[in-house]
Protein backbone atom coordinates (compact mmCIF):
# COMPACT_ATOMS: atom_id res chain seq x y z
CA MET A 1 -83.67 40.30 -50.22
CA ASN A 2 -81.49 42.07 -52.74
CA THR A 3 -79.22 40.33 -55.26
CA ASP A 4 -76.01 40.93 -53.28
CA THR A 5 -77.43 39.35 -50.16
CA HIS A 6 -78.89 36.49 -52.14
CA ALA A 7 -75.56 35.91 -53.93
CA ALA A 8 -73.70 35.94 -50.66
CA HIS A 9 -75.99 33.28 -49.18
CA ALA A 10 -76.00 31.20 -52.34
CA ASP A 11 -72.28 30.47 -52.18
CA GLY A 12 -72.44 29.70 -48.46
CA HIS A 13 -69.55 31.96 -47.49
CA HIS A 14 -71.36 34.91 -45.99
CA HIS A 15 -73.25 34.31 -42.79
CA ASP A 16 -74.03 37.44 -40.86
CA ASP A 17 -75.91 35.93 -37.94
CA GLY A 18 -75.24 38.85 -35.63
CA HIS A 19 -72.65 36.97 -33.59
CA ALA A 20 -69.13 38.26 -33.22
CA HIS A 21 -66.47 36.23 -34.95
CA GLY A 22 -62.78 36.53 -34.32
CA THR A 23 -59.99 36.89 -36.80
CA PHE A 24 -56.90 34.73 -37.02
CA SER A 25 -54.86 37.40 -35.23
CA THR A 26 -57.30 37.63 -32.30
CA TYR A 27 -57.35 33.84 -31.94
CA MET A 28 -53.53 33.77 -31.98
CA LEU A 29 -53.36 36.59 -29.43
CA GLY A 30 -55.74 34.67 -27.16
CA PHE A 31 -53.70 31.51 -27.61
CA VAL A 32 -50.40 33.26 -26.79
CA LEU A 33 -51.92 34.95 -23.75
CA SER A 34 -53.29 31.60 -22.56
CA VAL A 35 -49.90 29.92 -22.92
CA VAL A 36 -48.16 32.74 -21.05
CA LEU A 37 -50.81 32.72 -18.33
CA THR A 38 -50.25 28.98 -17.94
CA ALA A 39 -46.45 29.05 -18.11
CA ILE A 40 -45.97 31.70 -15.43
CA PRO A 41 -47.87 29.83 -12.67
CA PHE A 42 -46.12 26.62 -13.70
CA TRP A 43 -42.76 28.36 -13.32
CA LEU A 44 -43.80 29.84 -9.96
CA VAL A 45 -44.65 26.41 -8.59
CA MET A 46 -41.65 24.58 -10.04
CA SER A 47 -39.07 27.19 -9.01
CA GLY A 48 -40.54 28.05 -5.62
CA ALA A 49 -40.04 31.73 -6.40
CA LEU A 50 -42.62 32.91 -3.88
CA PRO A 51 -41.88 32.60 -0.14
CA SER A 52 -45.00 30.71 0.99
CA LYS A 53 -47.49 28.23 -0.40
CA GLN A 54 -50.45 30.46 0.44
CA ILE A 55 -49.07 33.36 -1.58
CA THR A 56 -48.29 31.01 -4.44
CA ALA A 57 -51.84 29.65 -4.36
CA LEU A 58 -53.32 33.16 -4.37
CA VAL A 59 -51.13 34.22 -7.30
CA ILE A 60 -52.08 31.09 -9.23
CA MET A 61 -55.76 31.78 -8.57
CA ALA A 62 -55.31 35.33 -9.84
CA PHE A 63 -53.67 34.02 -13.02
CA ALA A 64 -56.56 31.56 -13.41
CA VAL A 65 -59.12 34.36 -13.19
CA VAL A 66 -57.22 36.40 -15.78
CA GLN A 67 -57.05 33.37 -18.04
CA ILE A 68 -60.80 32.83 -17.73
CA VAL A 69 -61.32 36.42 -18.84
CA VAL A 70 -58.93 35.93 -21.78
CA HIS A 71 -60.86 32.84 -22.88
CA MET A 72 -64.18 34.65 -22.61
CA ILE A 73 -62.98 37.61 -24.65
CA TYR A 74 -60.85 35.95 -27.34
CA PHE A 75 -62.52 32.56 -27.78
CA LEU A 76 -66.12 33.05 -26.66
CA HIS A 77 -66.25 36.64 -28.04
CA MET A 78 -68.13 37.91 -25.02
CA SER A 79 -68.50 41.63 -24.77
CA PRO A 80 -71.20 44.03 -23.61
CA LYS A 81 -72.00 44.69 -27.30
CA SER A 82 -72.55 41.10 -28.42
CA GLU A 83 -76.17 39.94 -28.63
CA ASN A 84 -77.32 43.28 -27.20
CA GLY A 85 -75.60 42.52 -23.90
CA TRP A 86 -77.57 39.34 -23.12
CA SER A 87 -74.50 37.11 -23.18
CA MET A 88 -72.81 39.38 -20.66
CA MET A 89 -75.92 39.35 -18.45
CA ALA A 90 -75.95 35.54 -18.60
CA LEU A 91 -72.29 35.52 -17.62
CA ILE A 92 -72.89 37.83 -14.66
CA PHE A 93 -75.83 35.67 -13.52
CA THR A 94 -73.66 32.55 -13.77
CA ILE A 95 -70.85 34.18 -11.79
CA VAL A 96 -73.27 35.22 -9.04
CA MET A 97 -74.77 31.72 -8.84
CA VAL A 98 -71.33 30.06 -8.72
CA ALA A 99 -70.17 32.51 -6.03
CA ILE A 100 -73.26 31.77 -3.93
CA ALA A 101 -72.78 28.01 -4.34
CA LEU A 102 -69.07 28.13 -3.48
CA SER A 103 -69.41 30.49 -0.52
CA GLY A 104 -72.38 28.51 0.79
CA SER A 105 -70.44 25.26 0.51
CA LEU A 106 -67.47 26.75 2.33
CA TRP A 107 -69.78 28.09 5.06
CA VAL A 108 -71.44 24.70 5.53
CA MET A 109 -68.10 22.87 5.66
CA ASN A 110 -66.72 25.40 8.16
CA HIS A 111 -69.86 25.11 10.28
CA LEU A 112 -69.67 21.31 10.27
CA ASN A 113 -65.96 21.37 11.09
CA SER A 114 -66.42 23.65 14.07
CA ASN A 115 -69.54 21.95 15.46
CA MET A 116 -68.84 18.27 14.92
CA MET A 117 -67.98 16.24 17.97
CA PRO A 118 -64.41 14.94 17.86
CA ILE A 119 -64.03 11.17 17.55
CA HIS A 120 -62.00 10.78 20.75
CA GLU A 121 -64.92 12.22 22.79
CA MET A 122 -67.38 9.82 21.20
CA THR A 123 -65.42 6.71 22.24
CA GLY A 124 -66.00 7.48 25.94
CA MET A 125 -69.78 7.73 25.51
CA LYS A 126 -71.75 4.56 26.25
């Protein structure tokens, strides 16, 4: 350890742990983007600007996905370069697992809905 490195650690202000850290401007940019990505869906719902509820729900979901990406980039500092790409691989694995869990749950609920016996048919059975 040379004297510059030792001096930097002695005062406690220099910590190069290999993790990406944001600057004030990147945090503010992420904050502004998050506010805008929240305000637009709020306005869409409150004003009824879109013709149907399904389209509004899809647009809101798209804004939510974009906002998740903004949070990952500007607040969690995730990029393919950070930690030699392992954080991005962990993110991809998590997304795949969540997609499998959600699609499996929807499939099971759809299967149960289509194959369950209606209540009015069960009352006649004795």
